[in-house]
Amino acid sequence: MRDLARALQHRFRGACPAGSRCTFEDRIMSPGLQRRLGFAPRADMRLTRDDGP
């Protein structure tokens, strides 16, 4: 299953729209909020624009 995840990540990275970037297993909360809630969720794949949020 890990090979499938890597293959999909590679495909997403290759198909990322211009002006955007793909990151994988990315944190989605601040370290302080993670400590307060007691867990650290991550996004499997996150698409962000290069020019802002």
C-alpha atoms as a PDB file:
ATOM      1  CA  MET A   1       0.000   0.000   0.000  1.00  0.00           C
ATOM      2  CA  ARG A   2       2.917   2.330   0.664  1.00  0.00           C
ATOM      3  CA  ASP A   3       4.014   2.006  -2.971  1.00  0.00           C
ATOM      4  CA  LEU A   4       0.553   3.098  -4.102  1.00  0.00           C
ATOM      5  CA  ALA A   5       0.686   6.169  -1.842  1.00  0.00           C
ATOM      6  CA  ARG A   6       4.096   7.140  -3.226  1.00  0.00           C
ATOM      7  CA  ALA A   7       2.906   6.655  -6.803  1.00  0.00           C
ATOM      8  CA  LEU A   8      -0.135   8.848  -6.169  1.00  0.00           C
ATOM      9  CA  GLN A   9       2.006  11.531  -4.518  1.00  0.00           C
ATOM     10  CA  HIS A  10       4.312  11.523  -7.533  1.00  0.00           C
ATOM     11  CA  ARG A  11       1.327  11.885  -9.881  1.00  0.00           C
ATOM     12  CA  PHE A  12      -0.188  14.726  -7.837  1.00  0.00           C
ATOM     13  CA  ARG A  13       3.135  16.559  -7.771  1.00  0.00           C
ATOM     14  CA  GLY A  14       3.448  16.201 -11.551  1.00  0.00           C
ATOM     15  CA  ALA A  15      -0.109  17.464 -12.143  1.00  0.00           C
ATOM     16  CA  CYS A  16       0.105  20.405  -9.743  1.00  0.00           C
ATOM     17  CA  PRO A  17      -1.320  23.550 -11.414  1.00  0.00           C
ATOM     18  CA  ALA A  18       1.018  26.421 -12.285  1.00  0.00           C
ATOM     19  CA  GLY A  19       1.406  28.813  -9.358  1.00  0.00           C
ATOM     20  CA  SER A  20       0.677  26.075  -6.820  1.00  0.00           C
ATOM     21  CA  ARG A  21       2.593  23.471  -4.877  1.00  0.00           C
ATOM     22  CA  CYS A  22       1.726  20.093  -3.422  1.00  0.00           C
ATOM     23  CA  THR A  23       2.947  18.991  -0.019  1.00  0.00           C
ATOM     24  CA  PHE A  24       2.369  15.625   1.603  1.00  0.00           C
ATOM     25  CA  GLU A  25       1.871  14.516   5.208  1.00  0.00           C
ATOM     26  CA  ASP A  26       1.756  18.195   6.129  1.00  0.00           C
ATOM     27  CA  ARG A  27       0.853  19.515   9.575  1.00  0.00           C
ATOM     28  CA  ILE A  28      -2.425  21.424   9.637  1.00  0.00           C
ATOM     29  CA  MET A  29      -2.335  22.847  13.200  1.00  0.00           C
ATOM     30  CA  SER A  30       0.112  25.024  15.069  1.00  0.00           C
ATOM     31  CA  PRO A  31       2.386  23.254  17.576  1.00  0.00           C
ATOM     32  CA  GLY A  32       0.608  25.034  20.443  1.00  0.00           C
ATOM     33  CA  LEU A  33      -2.816  23.831  19.340  1.00  0.00           C
ATOM     34  CA  GLN A  34      -1.468  20.313  18.855  1.00  0.00           C
ATOM     35  CA  ARG A  35      -0.181  20.298  22.445  1.00  0.00           C
ATOM     36  CA  ARG A  36      -3.455  21.673  23.769  1.00  0.00           C
ATOM     37  CA  LEU A  37      -5.575  19.085  21.945  1.00  0.00           C
ATOM     38  CA  GLY A  38      -3.141  16.220  22.481  1.00  0.00           C
ATOM     39  CA  PHE A  39      -2.813  15.113  18.860  1.00  0.00           C
ATOM     40  CA  ALA A  40      -1.115  16.248  15.665  1.00  0.00           C
ATOM     41  CA  PRO A  41      -3.259  15.656  12.568  1.00  0.00           C
ATOM     42  CA  ARG A  42      -1.664  15.808   9.140  1.00  0.00           C
ATOM     43  CA  ALA A  43      -3.082  16.297   5.668  1.00  0.00           C
ATOM     44  CA  ASP A  44      -2.358  13.443   3.250  1.00  0.00           C
ATOM     45  CA  MET A  45      -1.973  15.991   0.458  1.00  0.00           C
ATOM     46  CA  ARG A  46      -2.227  19.766   0.581  1.00  0.00           C
ATOM     47  CA  LEU A  47      -2.399  22.066  -2.430  1.00  0.00           C
ATOM     48  CA  THR A  48      -1.360  25.682  -1.775  1.00  0.00           C
ATOM     49  CA  ARG A  49      -0.921  28.718  -3.990  1.00  0.00           C
ATOM     50  CA  ASP A  50       2.541  30.237  -4.287  1.00  0.00           C
ATOM     51  CA  ASP A  51       1.174  33.781  -3.949  1.00  0.00           C
ATOM     52  CA  GLY A  52      -0.612  33.413  -0.603  1.00  0.00           C
ATOM     53  CA  PRO A  53      -3.076  31.342   1.416  1.00  0.00           C
END
